[in-house]
Amino acid sequence: MERTTLAWYRTACSLMIFELVGVRITAELRETASTVLLMVLTVPTLVLIVTGVPRSATSGHRLAVGRNGVTYVRSPDGRRSLLLSLLVATLGVMCLLAVLLGGPGNPLDATVMVD
């Protein structure tokens, strides 16, 4: 379970790096809407990194004793993982739209000749 926690943490850190690089690129290209959207996406990503994605599920944190004395195993609700997955998907859709719609700074534009 600890490897899964570390994998989610690496995913969140990688997402934060991509978002910050995207903010820099879109700011240089003066694409205000994309820059603002990427800056907004960094807030929940930062919260997930700071609070843990998902929280460590060691045996001491997962056990709960019911009123009848029976020990139950609590499973994580998955909200943090779902939020991170939605953030990754949103960033992916933004990148896909940027490539498909192009623009003045599109590196895939074949009509621009470099001298």
PDB file of N, CA and C in Angstrom:
ATOM      1  N   MET A   1       0.817  -1.188   0.000  1.00  0.00           N
ATOM      2  CA  MET A   1       0.000   0.000   0.000  1.00  0.00           C
ATOM      3  C   MET A   1       0.867   1.261   0.000  1.00  0.00           C
ATOM      4  N   GLU A   2       2.039   1.191   0.599  1.00  0.00           N
ATOM      5  CA  GLU A   2       2.907   2.361   0.651  1.00  0.00           C
ATOM      6  C   GLU A   2       3.402   2.747  -0.743  1.00  0.00           C
ATOM      7  N   ARG A   3       3.655   1.756  -1.607  1.00  0.00           N
ATOM      8  CA  ARG A   3       4.083   2.076  -2.974  1.00  0.00           C
ATOM      9  C   ARG A   3       2.992   2.800  -3.735  1.00  0.00           C
ATOM     10  N   THR A   4       1.740   2.441  -3.493  1.00  0.00           N
ATOM     11  CA  THR A   4       0.628   3.132  -4.144  1.00  0.00           C
ATOM     12  C   THR A   4       0.567   4.591  -3.697  1.00  0.00           C
ATOM     13  N   THR A   5       0.767   4.822  -2.411  1.00  0.00           N
ATOM     14  CA  THR A   5       0.771   6.182  -1.895  1.00  0.00           C
ATOM     15  C   THR A   5       1.880   6.998  -2.536  1.00  0.00           C
ATOM     16  N   LEU A   6       3.070   6.406  -2.648  1.00  0.00           N
ATOM     17  CA  LEU A   6       4.185   7.114  -3.282  1.00  0.00           C
ATOM     18  C   LEU A   6       3.917   7.368  -4.762  1.00  0.00           C
ATOM     19  N   ALA A   7       3.264   6.441  -5.426  1.00  0.00           N
ATOM     20  CA  ALA A   7       2.945   6.631  -6.847  1.00  0.00           C
ATOM     21  C   ALA A   7       1.969   7.792  -7.027  1.00  0.00           C
ATOM     22  N   TRP A   8       0.963   7.894  -6.167  1.00  0.00           N
ATOM     23  CA  TRP A   8       0.027   9.013  -6.252  1.00  0.00           C
ATOM     24  C   TRP A   8       0.734  10.324  -5.955  1.00  0.00           C
ATOM     25  N   TYR A   9       1.655  10.307  -5.002  1.00  0.00           N
ATOM     26  CA  TYR A   9       2.404  11.518  -4.665  1.00  0.00           C
ATOM     27  C   TYR A   9       3.270  11.956  -5.847  1.00  0.00           C
ATOM     28  N   ARG A  10       3.942  11.005  -6.498  1.00  0.00           N
ATOM     29  CA  ARG A  10       4.747  11.340  -7.684  1.00  0.00           C
ATOM     30  C   ARG A  10       3.869  11.886  -8.799  1.00  0.00           C
ATOM     31  N   THR A  11       2.686  11.324  -8.966  1.00  0.00           N
ATOM     32  CA  THR A  11       1.766  11.810  -9.989  1.00  0.00           C
ATOM     33  C   THR A  11       1.366  13.253  -9.703  1.00  0.00           C
ATOM     34  N   ALA A  12       1.061  13.553  -8.449  1.00  0.00           N
ATOM     35  CA  ALA A  12       0.671  14.916  -8.084  1.00  0.00           C
ATOM     36  C   ALA A  12       1.827  15.891  -8.289  1.00  0.00           C
ATOM     37  N   CYS A  13       3.042  15.479  -7.927  1.00  0.00           N
ATOM     38  CA  CYS A  13       4.209  16.361  -8.123  1.00  0.00           C
ATOM     39  C   CYS A  13       4.475  16.585  -9.608  1.00  0.00           C
ATOM     40  N   SER A  14       4.357  15.543 -10.406  1.00  0.00           N
ATOM     41  CA  SER A  14       4.542  15.688 -11.856  1.00  0.00           C
ATOM     42  C   SER A  14       3.484  16.599 -12.452  1.00  0.00           C
ATOM     43  N   LEU A  15       2.261  16.456 -11.991  1.00  0.00           N
ATOM     44  CA  LEU A  15       1.182  17.317 -12.476  1.00  0.00           C
ATOM     45  C   LEU A  15       1.467  18.777 -12.135  1.00  0.00           C
ATOM     46  N   MET A  16       1.958  19.027 -10.930  1.00  0.00           N
ATOM     47  CA  MET A  16       2.278  20.394 -10.534  1.00  0.00           C
ATOM     48  C   MET A  16       3.368  20.979 -11.435  1.00  0.00           C
ATOM     49  N   ILE A  17       4.370  20.192 -11.763  1.00  0.00           N
ATOM     50  CA  ILE A  17       5.448  20.659 -12.645  1.00  0.00           C
ATOM     51  C   ILE A  17       4.889  21.003 -14.018  1.00  0.00           C
ATOM     52  N   PHE A  18       4.055  20.122 -14.588  1.00  0.00           N
ATOM     53  CA  PHE A  18       3.464  20.386 -15.900  1.00  0.00           C
ATOM     54  C   PHE A  18       2.588  21.627 -15.865  1.00  0.00           C
ATOM     55  N   GLU A  19       1.838  21.807 -14.787  1.00  0.00           N
ATOM     56  CA  GLU A  19       0.988  22.998 -14.691  1.00  0.00           C
ATOM     57  C   GLU A  19       1.829  24.272 -14.639  1.00  0.00           C
ATOM     58  N   LEU A  20       2.889  24.260 -13.857  1.00  0.00           N
ATOM     59  CA  LEU A  20       3.729  25.447 -13.748  1.00  0.00           C
ATOM     60  C   LEU A  20       4.462  25.751 -15.051  1.00  0.00           C
ATOM     61  N   VAL A  21       4.923  24.719 -15.746  1.00  0.00           N
ATOM     62  CA  VAL A  21       5.543  24.922 -17.056  1.00  0.00           C
ATOM     63  C   VAL A  21       4.508  25.462 -18.033  1.00  0.00           C
ATOM     64  N   GLY A  22       3.297  24.931 -17.976  1.00  0.00           N
ATOM     65  CA  GLY A  22       2.224  25.434 -18.838  1.00  0.00           C
ATOM     66  C   GLY A  22       1.891  26.888 -18.559  1.00  0.00           C
ATOM     67  N   VAL A  23       1.907  27.272 -17.275  1.00  0.00           N
ATOM     68  CA  VAL A  23       1.663  28.677 -16.923  1.00  0.00           C
ATOM     69  C   VAL A  23       2.734  29.550 -17.551  1.00  0.00           C
ATOM     70  N   ARG A  24       3.978  29.126 -17.464  1.00  0.00           N
ATOM     71  CA  ARG A  24       5.059  29.941 -18.024  1.00  0.00           C
ATOM     72  C   ARG A  24       4.941  30.066 -19.546  1.00  0.00           C
ATOM     73  N   ILE A  25       4.673  28.949 -20.205  1.00  0.00           N
ATOM     74  CA  ILE A  25       4.579  28.966 -21.673  1.00  0.00           C
ATOM     75  C   ILE A  25       3.396  29.810 -22.132  1.00  0.00           C
ATOM     76  N   THR A  26       2.232  29.594 -21.519  1.00  0.00           N
ATOM     77  CA  THR A  26       1.056  30.349 -21.947  1.00  0.00           C
ATOM     78  C   THR A  26       1.177  31.826 -21.597  1.00  0.00           C
ATOM     79  N   ALA A  27       1.868  32.151 -20.520  1.00  0.00           N
ATOM     80  CA  ALA A  27       2.079  33.561 -20.173  1.00  0.00           C
ATOM     81  C   ALA A  27       2.987  34.238 -21.194  1.00  0.00           C
ATOM     82  N   GLU A  28       4.019  33.521 -21.641  1.00  0.00           N
ATOM     83  CA  GLU A  28       4.913  34.085 -22.652  1.00  0.00           C
ATOM     84  C   GLU A  28       4.200  34.273 -23.991  1.00  0.00           C
ATOM     85  N   LEU A  29       3.251  33.389 -24.287  1.00  0.00           N
ATOM     86  CA  LEU A  29       2.487  33.498 -25.534  1.00  0.00           C
ATOM     87  C   LEU A  29       1.293  34.447 -25.397  1.00  0.00           C
ATOM     88  N   ARG A  30       1.138  35.010 -24.219  1.00  0.00           N
ATOM     89  CA  ARG A  30       0.052  35.947 -23.917  1.00  0.00           C
ATOM     90  C   ARG A  30      -1.331  35.333 -24.143  1.00  0.00           C
ATOM     91  N   GLU A  31      -1.485  34.095 -23.760  1.00  0.00           N
ATOM     92  CA  GLU A  31      -2.770  33.418 -23.815  1.00  0.00           C
ATOM     93  C   GLU A  31      -3.371  33.474 -22.412  1.00  0.00           C
ATOM     94  N   THR A  32      -4.076  34.540 -22.142  1.00  0.00           N
ATOM     95  CA  THR A  32      -4.535  34.848 -20.791  1.00  0.00           C
ATOM     96  C   THR A  32      -5.472  33.781 -20.237  1.00  0.00           C
ATOM     97  N   ALA A  33      -6.423  33.329 -21.025  1.00  0.00           N
ATOM     98  CA  ALA A  33      -7.400  32.352 -20.535  1.00  0.00           C
ATOM     99  C   ALA A  33      -6.719  31.053 -20.119  1.00  0.00           C
ATOM    100  N   SER A  34      -5.803  30.565 -20.936  1.00  0.00           N
ATOM    101  CA  SER A  34      -5.089  29.331 -20.603  1.00  0.00           C
ATOM    102  C   SER A  34      -4.210  29.513 -19.376  1.00  0.00           C
ATOM    103  N   THR A  35      -3.574  30.668 -19.277  1.00  0.00           N
ATOM    104  CA  THR A  35      -2.711  30.934 -18.121  1.00  0.00           C
ATOM    105  C   THR A  35      -3.522  30.946 -16.833  1.00  0.00           C
ATOM    106  N   VAL A  36      -4.651  31.618 -16.853  1.00  0.00           N
ATOM    107  CA  VAL A  36      -5.497  31.695 -15.658  1.00  0.00           C
ATOM    108  C   VAL A  36      -6.036  30.319 -15.303  1.00  0.00           C
ATOM    109  N   LEU A  37      -6.486  29.555 -16.289  1.00  0.00           N
ATOM    110  CA  LEU A  37      -7.011  28.213 -16.022  1.00  0.00           C
ATOM    111  C   LEU A  37      -5.936  27.323 -15.418  1.00  0.00           C
ATOM    112  N   LEU A  38      -4.729  27.374 -15.948  1.00  0.00           N
ATOM    113  CA  LEU A  38      -3.640  26.569 -15.390  1.00  0.00           C
ATOM    114  C   LEU A  38      -3.288  27.011 -13.974  1.00  0.00           C
ATOM    115  N   MET A  39      -3.337  28.306 -13.722  1.00  0.00           N
ATOM    116  CA  MET A  39      -3.062  28.786 -12.369  1.00  0.00           C
ATOM    117  C   MET A  39      -4.141  28.319 -11.393  1.00  0.00           C
ATOM    118  N   VAL A  40      -5.382  28.282 -11.858  1.00  0.00           N
ATOM    119  CA  VAL A  40      -6.468  27.787 -11.014  1.00  0.00           C
ATOM    120  C   VAL A  40      -6.287  26.296 -10.737  1.00  0.00           C
ATOM    121  N   LEU A  41      -5.829  25.528 -11.728  1.00  0.00           N
ATOM    122  CA  LEU A  41      -5.615  24.095 -11.538  1.00  0.00           C
ATOM    123  C   LEU A  41      -4.482  23.791 -10.562  1.00  0.00           C
ATOM    124  N   THR A  42      -3.531  24.705 -10.407  1.00  0.00           N
ATOM    125  CA  THR A  42      -2.420  24.444  -9.494  1.00  0.00           C
ATOM    126  C   THR A  42      -2.858  24.462  -8.033  1.00  0.00           C
ATOM    127  N   VAL A  43      -3.933  25.172  -7.716  1.00  0.00           N
ATOM    128  CA  VAL A  43      -4.371  25.275  -6.317  1.00  0.00           C
ATOM    129  C   VAL A  43      -4.800  23.918  -5.756  1.00  0.00           C
ATOM    130  N   PRO A  44      -5.747  23.196  -6.382  1.00  0.00           N
ATOM    131  CA  PRO A  44      -6.101  21.891  -5.809  1.00  0.00           C
ATOM    132  C   PRO A  44      -4.952  20.887  -5.875  1.00  0.00           C
ATOM    133  N   THR A  45      -4.095  21.002  -6.880  1.00  0.00           N
ATOM    134  CA  THR A  45      -2.947  20.103  -6.954  1.00  0.00           C
ATOM    135  C   THR A  45      -2.018  20.346  -5.773  1.00  0.00           C
ATOM    136  N   LEU A  46      -1.772  21.599  -5.447  1.00  0.00           N
ATOM    137  CA  LEU A  46      -0.927  21.926  -4.309  1.00  0.00           C
ATOM    138  C   LEU A  46      -1.553  21.434  -3.006  1.00  0.00           C
ATOM    139  N   VAL A  47      -2.854  21.588  -2.871  1.00  0.00           N
ATOM    140  CA  VAL A  47      -3.545  21.097  -1.672  1.00  0.00           C
ATOM    141  C   VAL A  47      -3.389  19.587  -1.552  1.00  0.00           C
ATOM    142  N   LEU A  48      -3.519  18.876  -2.673  1.00  0.00           N
ATOM    143  CA  LEU A  48      -3.359  17.424  -2.645  1.00  0.00           C
ATOM    144  C   LEU A  48      -1.933  17.023  -2.263  1.00  0.00           C
ATOM    145  N   ILE A  49      -0.957  17.759  -2.750  1.00  0.00           N
ATOM    146  CA  ILE A  49       0.433  17.441  -2.414  1.00  0.00           C
ATOM    147  C   ILE A  49       0.688  17.661  -0.927  1.00  0.00           C
ATOM    148  N   VAL A  50       0.199  18.770  -0.405  1.00  0.00           N
ATOM    149  CA  VAL A  50       0.455  19.109   0.996  1.00  0.00           C
ATOM    150  C   VAL A  50      -0.293  18.171   1.942  1.00  0.00           C
ATOM    151  N   THR A  51      -1.527  17.831   1.622  1.00  0.00           N
ATOM    152  CA  THR A  51      -2.333  17.009   2.530  1.00  0.00           C
ATOM    153  C   THR A  51      -2.149  15.515   2.320  1.00  0.00           C
ATOM    154  N   GLY A  52      -1.547  15.118   1.229  1.00  0.00           N
ATOM    155  CA  GLY A  52      -1.329  13.696   0.975  1.00  0.00           C
ATOM    156  C   GLY A  52      -2.299  13.155  -0.035  1.00  0.00           C
ATOM    157  N   VAL A  53      -1.799  12.326  -0.964  1.00  0.00           N
ATOM    158  CA  VAL A  53      -2.621  11.800  -2.052  1.00  0.00           C
ATOM    159  C   VAL A  53      -2.408  10.317  -2.201  1.00  0.00           C
ATOM    160  N   PRO A  54      -3.308   9.468  -1.900  1.00  0.00           N
ATOM    161  CA  PRO A  54      -4.251   9.594  -0.805  1.00  0.00           C
ATOM    162  C   PRO A  54      -3.502   9.456   0.508  1.00  0.00           C
ATOM    163  N   ARG A  55      -4.161   9.610   1.599  1.00  0.00           N
ATOM    164  CA  ARG A  55      -3.471   9.504   2.886  1.00  0.00           C
ATOM    165  C   ARG A  55      -2.949   8.094   3.074  1.00  0.00           C
ATOM    166  N   SER A  56      -1.847   8.021   3.783  1.00  0.00           N
ATOM    167  CA  SER A  56      -1.225   6.728   4.030  1.00  0.00           C
ATOM    168  C   SER A  56      -2.209   5.798   4.720  1.00  0.00           C
ATOM    169  N   ALA A  57      -2.284   4.592   4.252  1.00  0.00           N
ATOM    170  CA  ALA A  57      -3.256   3.636   4.770  1.00  0.00           C
ATOM    171  C   ALA A  57      -2.558   2.534   5.550  1.00  0.00           C
ATOM    172  N   THR A  58      -1.768   2.903   6.541  1.00  0.00           N
ATOM    173  CA  THR A  58      -1.117   1.898   7.377  1.00  0.00           C
ATOM    174  C   THR A  58      -2.169   1.216   8.225  1.00  0.00           C
ATOM    175  N   SER A  59      -1.840   0.059   8.738  1.00  0.00           N
ATOM    176  CA  SER A  59      -2.838  -0.733   9.453  1.00  0.00           C
ATOM    177  C   SER A  59      -3.405   0.006  10.661  1.00  0.00           C
ATOM    178  N   GLY A  60      -2.617   0.832  11.335  1.00  0.00           N
ATOM    179  CA  GLY A  60      -3.111   1.577  12.479  1.00  0.00           C
ATOM    180  C   GLY A  60      -4.154   2.609  12.107  1.00  0.00           C
ATOM    181  N   HIS A  61      -4.080   3.148  10.894  1.00  0.00           N
ATOM    182  CA  HIS A  61      -5.034   4.160  10.461  1.00  0.00           C
ATOM    183  C   HIS A  61      -6.303   3.554   9.871  1.00  0.00           C
ATOM    184  N   ARG A  62      -6.239   2.316   9.477  1.00  0.00           N
ATOM    185  CA  ARG A  62      -7.370   1.732   8.760  1.00  0.00           C
ATOM    186  C   ARG A  62      -8.321   0.961   9.672  1.00  0.00           C
ATOM    187  N   LEU A  63      -7.897   0.621  10.871  1.00  0.00           N
ATOM    188  CA  LEU A  63      -8.737  -0.197  11.729  1.00  0.00           C
ATOM    189  C   LEU A  63      -9.679   0.664  12.558  1.00  0.00           C
ATOM    190  N   ALA A  64     -10.892   0.187  12.724  1.00  0.00           N
ATOM    191  CA  ALA A  64     -11.879   0.871  13.554  1.00  0.00           C
ATOM    192  C   ALA A  64     -12.649  -0.178  14.328  1.00  0.00           C
ATOM    193  N   VAL A  65     -12.937   0.121  15.582  1.00  0.00           N
ATOM    194  CA  VAL A  65     -13.699  -0.797  16.422  1.00  0.00           C
ATOM    195  C   VAL A  65     -15.118  -0.282  16.510  1.00  0.00           C
ATOM    196  N   GLY A  66     -16.046  -1.139  16.135  1.00  0.00           N
ATOM    197  CA  GLY A  66     -17.454  -0.763  16.180  1.00  0.00           C
ATOM    198  C   GLY A  66     -18.011  -0.796  17.586  1.00  0.00           C
ATOM    199  N   ARG A  67     -19.252  -0.399  17.739  1.00  0.00           N
ATOM    200  CA  ARG A  67     -19.897  -0.363  19.062  1.00  0.00           C
ATOM    201  C   ARG A  67     -20.031  -1.745  19.671  1.00  0.00           C
ATOM    202  N   ASN A  68     -20.125  -2.755  18.833  1.00  0.00           N
ATOM    203  CA  ASN A  68     -20.277  -4.107  19.334  1.00  0.00           C
ATOM    204  C   ASN A  68     -18.924  -4.778  19.605  1.00  0.00           C
ATOM    205  N   GLY A  69     -17.820  -4.034  19.476  1.00  0.00           N
ATOM    206  CA  GLY A  69     -16.498  -4.565  19.769  1.00  0.00           C
ATOM    207  C   GLY A  69     -15.819  -5.247  18.595  1.00  0.00           C
ATOM    208  N   VAL A  70     -16.486  -5.316  17.459  1.00  0.00           N
ATOM    209  CA  VAL A  70     -15.928  -5.953  16.273  1.00  0.00           C
ATOM    210  C   VAL A  70     -15.001  -4.956  15.573  1.00  0.00           C
ATOM    211  N   THR A  71     -13.835  -5.443  15.127  1.00  0.00           N
ATOM    212  CA  THR A  71     -12.877  -4.589  14.432  1.00  0.00           C
ATOM    213  C   THR A  71     -13.177  -4.609  12.940  1.00  0.00           C
ATOM    214  N   TYR A  72     -13.309  -3.432  12.374  1.00  0.00           N
ATOM    215  CA  TYR A  72     -13.581  -3.280  10.959  1.00  0.00           C
ATOM    216  C   TYR A  72     -12.383  -2.633  10.283  1.00  0.00           C
ATOM    217  N   VAL A  73     -12.242  -2.880   8.999  1.00  0.00           N
ATOM    218  CA  VAL A  73     -11.194  -2.227   8.220  1.00  0.00           C
ATOM    219  C   VAL A  73     -11.863  -1.157   7.369  1.00  0.00           C
ATOM    220  N   ARG A  74     -11.453   0.082   7.600  1.00  0.00           N
ATOM    221  CA  ARG A  74     -12.005   1.180   6.807  1.00  0.00           C
ATOM    222  C   ARG A  74     -11.226   1.298   5.516  1.00  0.00           C
ATOM    223  N   SER A  75     -11.933   1.482   4.442  1.00  0.00           N
ATOM    224  CA  SER A  75     -11.270   1.680   3.151  1.00  0.00           C
ATOM    225  C   SER A  75     -11.328   3.161   2.804  1.00  0.00           C
ATOM    226  N   PRO A  76     -10.302   3.665   2.116  1.00  0.00           N
ATOM    227  CA  PRO A  76     -10.339   5.079   1.734  1.00  0.00           C
ATOM    228  C   PRO A  76     -11.504   5.338   0.791  1.00  0.00           C
ATOM    229  N   ASP A  77     -12.054   6.556   0.866  1.00  0.00           N
ATOM    230  CA  ASP A  77     -13.230   6.870   0.065  1.00  0.00           C
ATOM    231  C   ASP A  77     -12.897   7.162  -1.395  1.00  0.00           C
ATOM    232  N   GLY A  78     -11.648   7.467  -1.702  1.00  0.00           N
ATOM    233  CA  GLY A  78     -11.238   7.646  -3.087  1.00  0.00           C
ATOM    234  C   GLY A  78     -11.447   9.044  -3.640  1.00  0.00           C
ATOM    235  N   ARG A  79     -11.892   9.993  -2.803  1.00  0.00           N
ATOM    236  CA  ARG A  79     -12.133  11.339  -3.310  1.00  0.00           C
ATOM    237  C   ARG A  79     -10.846  12.027  -3.758  1.00  0.00           C
ATOM    238  N   ARG A  80      -9.779  11.835  -3.018  1.00  0.00           N
ATOM    239  CA  ARG A  80      -8.508  12.464  -3.375  1.00  0.00           C
ATOM    240  C   ARG A  80      -7.973  11.897  -4.688  1.00  0.00           C
ATOM    241  N   SER A  81      -8.052  10.601  -4.836  1.00  0.00           N
ATOM    242  CA  SER A  81      -7.584   9.974  -6.071  1.00  0.00           C
ATOM    243  C   SER A  81      -8.439  10.412  -7.257  1.00  0.00           C
ATOM    244  N   LEU A  82      -9.735  10.527  -7.038  1.00  0.00           N
ATOM    245  CA  LEU A  82     -10.625  10.988  -8.101  1.00  0.00           C
ATOM    246  C   LEU A  82     -10.304  12.422  -8.497  1.00  0.00           C
ATOM    247  N   LEU A  83     -10.054  13.286  -7.511  1.00  0.00           N
ATOM    248  CA  LEU A  83      -9.711  14.674  -7.809  1.00  0.00           C
ATOM    249  C   LEU A  83      -8.417  14.758  -8.614  1.00  0.00           C
ATOM    250  N   LEU A  84      -7.414  13.986  -8.213  1.00  0.00           N
ATOM    251  CA  LEU A  84      -6.151  13.999  -8.947  1.00  0.00           C
ATOM    252  C   LEU A  84      -6.349  13.478 -10.367  1.00  0.00           C
ATOM    253  N   SER A  85      -7.136  12.443 -10.530  1.00  0.00           N
ATOM    254  CA  SER A  85      -7.410  11.917 -11.865  1.00  0.00           C
ATOM    255  C   SER A  85      -8.121  12.942 -12.737  1.00  0.00           C
ATOM    256  N   LEU A  86      -9.064  13.676 -12.161  1.00  0.00           N
ATOM    257  CA  LEU A  86      -9.763  14.718 -12.917  1.00  0.00           C
ATOM    258  C   LEU A  86      -8.818  15.860 -13.295  1.00  0.00           C
ATOM    259  N   LEU A  87      -7.894  16.210 -12.410  1.00  0.00           N
ATOM    260  CA  LEU A  87      -6.927  17.259 -12.727  1.00  0.00           C
ATOM    261  C   LEU A  87      -6.010  16.833 -13.866  1.00  0.00           C
ATOM    262  N   VAL A  88      -5.562  15.582 -13.835  1.00  0.00           N
ATOM    263  CA  VAL A  88      -4.710  15.070 -14.914  1.00  0.00           C
ATOM    264  C   VAL A  88      -5.478  15.059 -16.234  1.00  0.00           C
ATOM    265  N   ALA A  89      -6.734  14.618 -16.201  1.00  0.00           N
ATOM    266  CA  ALA A  89      -7.547  14.582 -17.412  1.00  0.00           C
ATOM    267  C   ALA A  89      -7.799  15.992 -17.954  1.00  0.00           C
ATOM    268  N   THR A  90      -8.037  16.950 -17.067  1.00  0.00           N
ATOM    269  CA  THR A  90      -8.257  18.331 -17.501  1.00  0.00           C
ATOM    270  C   THR A  90      -7.018  18.892 -18.188  1.00  0.00           C
ATOM    271  N   LEU A  91      -5.861  18.642 -17.598  1.00  0.00           N
ATOM    272  CA  LEU A  91      -4.621  19.109 -18.208  1.00  0.00           C
ATOM    273  C   LEU A  91      -4.401  18.436 -19.561  1.00  0.00           C
ATOM    274  N   GLY A  92      -4.723  17.165 -19.664  1.00  0.00           N
ATOM    275  CA  GLY A  92      -4.593  16.458 -20.936  1.00  0.00           C
ATOM    276  C   GLY A  92      -5.503  17.020 -22.012  1.00  0.00           C
ATOM    277  N   VAL A  93      -6.729  17.341 -21.641  1.00  0.00           N
ATOM    278  CA  VAL A  93      -7.671  17.928 -22.604  1.00  0.00           C
ATOM    279  C   VAL A  93      -7.183  19.307 -23.047  1.00  0.00           C
ATOM    280  N   MET A  94      -6.651  20.095 -22.103  1.00  0.00           N
ATOM    281  CA  MET A  94      -6.121  21.411 -22.475  1.00  0.00           C
ATOM    282  C   MET A  94      -4.966  21.283 -23.463  1.00  0.00           C
ATOM    283  N   CYS A  95      -4.083  20.324 -23.220  1.00  0.00           N
ATOM    284  CA  CYS A  95      -2.953  20.126 -24.144  1.00  0.00           C
ATOM    285  C   CYS A  95      -3.435  19.669 -25.513  1.00  0.00           C
ATOM    286  N   LEU A  96      -4.411  18.763 -25.537  1.00  0.00           N
ATOM    287  CA  LEU A  96      -4.952  18.286 -26.804  1.00  0.00           C
ATOM    288  C   LEU A  96      -5.600  19.425 -27.578  1.00  0.00           C
ATOM    289  N   LEU A  97      -6.377  20.248 -26.905  1.00  0.00           N
ATOM    290  CA  LEU A  97      -7.001  21.390 -27.574  1.00  0.00           C
ATOM    291  C   LEU A  97      -5.969  22.381 -28.076  1.00  0.00           C
ATOM    292  N   ALA A  98      -4.900  22.592 -27.312  1.00  0.00           N
ATOM    293  CA  ALA A  98      -3.854  23.520 -27.742  1.00  0.00           C
ATOM    294  C   ALA A  98      -3.194  23.029 -29.024  1.00  0.00           C
ATOM    295  N   VAL A  99      -2.986  21.727 -29.121  1.00  0.00           N
ATOM    296  CA  VAL A  99      -2.359  21.174 -30.330  1.00  0.00           C
ATOM    297  C   VAL A  99      -3.325  21.199 -31.507  1.00  0.00           C
ATOM    298  N   LEU A 100      -4.577  20.808 -31.271  1.00  0.00           N
ATOM    299  CA  LEU A 100      -5.543  20.745 -32.368  1.00  0.00           C
ATOM    300  C   LEU A 100      -5.955  22.128 -32.873  1.00  0.00           C
ATOM    301  N   LEU A 101      -6.145  23.060 -31.962  1.00  0.00           N
ATOM    302  CA  LEU A 101      -6.588  24.391 -32.365  1.00  0.00           C
ATOM    303  C   LEU A 101      -5.448  25.273 -32.836  1.00  0.00           C
ATOM    304  N   GLY A 102      -4.250  24.928 -32.406  1.00  0.00           N
ATOM    305  CA  GLY A 102      -3.083  25.700 -32.834  1.00  0.00           C
ATOM    306  C   GLY A 102      -3.110  27.103 -32.288  1.00  0.00           C
ATOM    307  N   GLY A 103      -2.377  27.959 -32.918  1.00  0.00           N
ATOM    308  CA  GLY A 103      -2.292  29.340 -32.475  1.00  0.00           C
ATOM    309  C   GLY A 103      -0.972  29.929 -32.939  1.00  0.00           C
ATOM    310  N   PRO A 104      -0.719  31.161 -32.564  1.00  0.00           N
ATOM    311  CA  PRO A 104       0.492  31.819 -33.043  1.00  0.00           C
ATOM    312  C   PRO A 104       1.777  31.166 -32.554  1.00  0.00           C
ATOM    313  N   GLY A 105       1.735  30.504 -31.437  1.00  0.00           N
ATOM    314  CA  GLY A 105       2.955  29.907 -30.911  1.00  0.00           C
ATOM    315  C   GLY A 105       2.994  28.400 -31.031  1.00  0.00           C
ATOM    316  N   ASN A 106       2.168  27.825 -31.896  1.00  0.00           N
ATOM    317  CA  ASN A 106       2.075  26.387 -32.017  1.00  0.00           C
ATOM    318  C   ASN A 106       3.344  25.813 -32.640  1.00  0.00           C
ATOM    319  N   PRO A 107       4.084  24.978 -31.901  1.00  0.00           N
ATOM    320  CA  PRO A 107       5.315  24.415 -32.453  1.00  0.00           C
ATOM    321  C   PRO A 107       5.072  23.401 -33.564  1.00  0.00           C
ATOM    322  N   LEU A 108       3.836  22.938 -33.703  1.00  0.00           N
ATOM    323  CA  LEU A 108       3.523  21.951 -34.738  1.00  0.00           C
ATOM    324  C   LEU A 108       3.048  22.595 -36.036  1.00  0.00           C
ATOM    325  N   ASP A 109       3.026  23.914 -36.079  1.00  0.00           N
ATOM    326  CA  ASP A 109       2.568  24.620 -37.274  1.00  0.00           C
ATOM    327  C   ASP A 109       3.625  24.493 -38.373  1.00  0.00           C
ATOM    328  N   ALA A 110       3.267  23.818 -39.447  1.00  0.00           N
ATOM    329  CA  ALA A 110       4.225  23.556 -40.529  1.00  0.00           C
ATOM    330  C   ALA A 110       4.418  24.758 -41.436  1.00  0.00           C
ATOM    331  N   THR A 111       3.578  25.764 -41.323  1.00  0.00           N
ATOM    332  CA  THR A 111       3.712  26.918 -42.206  1.00  0.00           C
ATOM    333  C   THR A 111       4.768  27.902 -41.741  1.00  0.00           C
ATOM    334  N   VAL A 112       5.198  27.780 -40.498  1.00  0.00           N
ATOM    335  CA  VAL A 112       6.208  28.678 -39.968  1.00  0.00           C
ATOM    336  C   VAL A 112       7.586  28.128 -40.333  1.00  0.00           C
ATOM    337  N   MET A 113       8.362  28.912 -40.993  1.00  0.00           N
ATOM    338  CA  MET A 113       9.713  28.498 -41.383  1.00  0.00           C
ATOM    339  C   MET A 113      10.721  29.134 -40.452  1.00  0.00           C
ATOM    340  N   VAL A 114      11.661  28.335 -40.001  1.00  0.00           N
ATOM    341  CA  VAL A 114      12.700  28.831 -39.120  1.00  0.00           C
ATOM    342  C   VAL A 114      13.944  29.104 -39.954  1.00  0.00           C
ATOM    343  N   ASP A 115      14.482  30.301 -39.811  1.00  0.00           N
ATOM    344  CA  ASP A 115      15.691  30.640 -40.575  1.00  0.00           C
ATOM    345  C   ASP A 115      16.938  30.255 -39.822  1.00  0.00           C
TER     346      ASP A 115
END
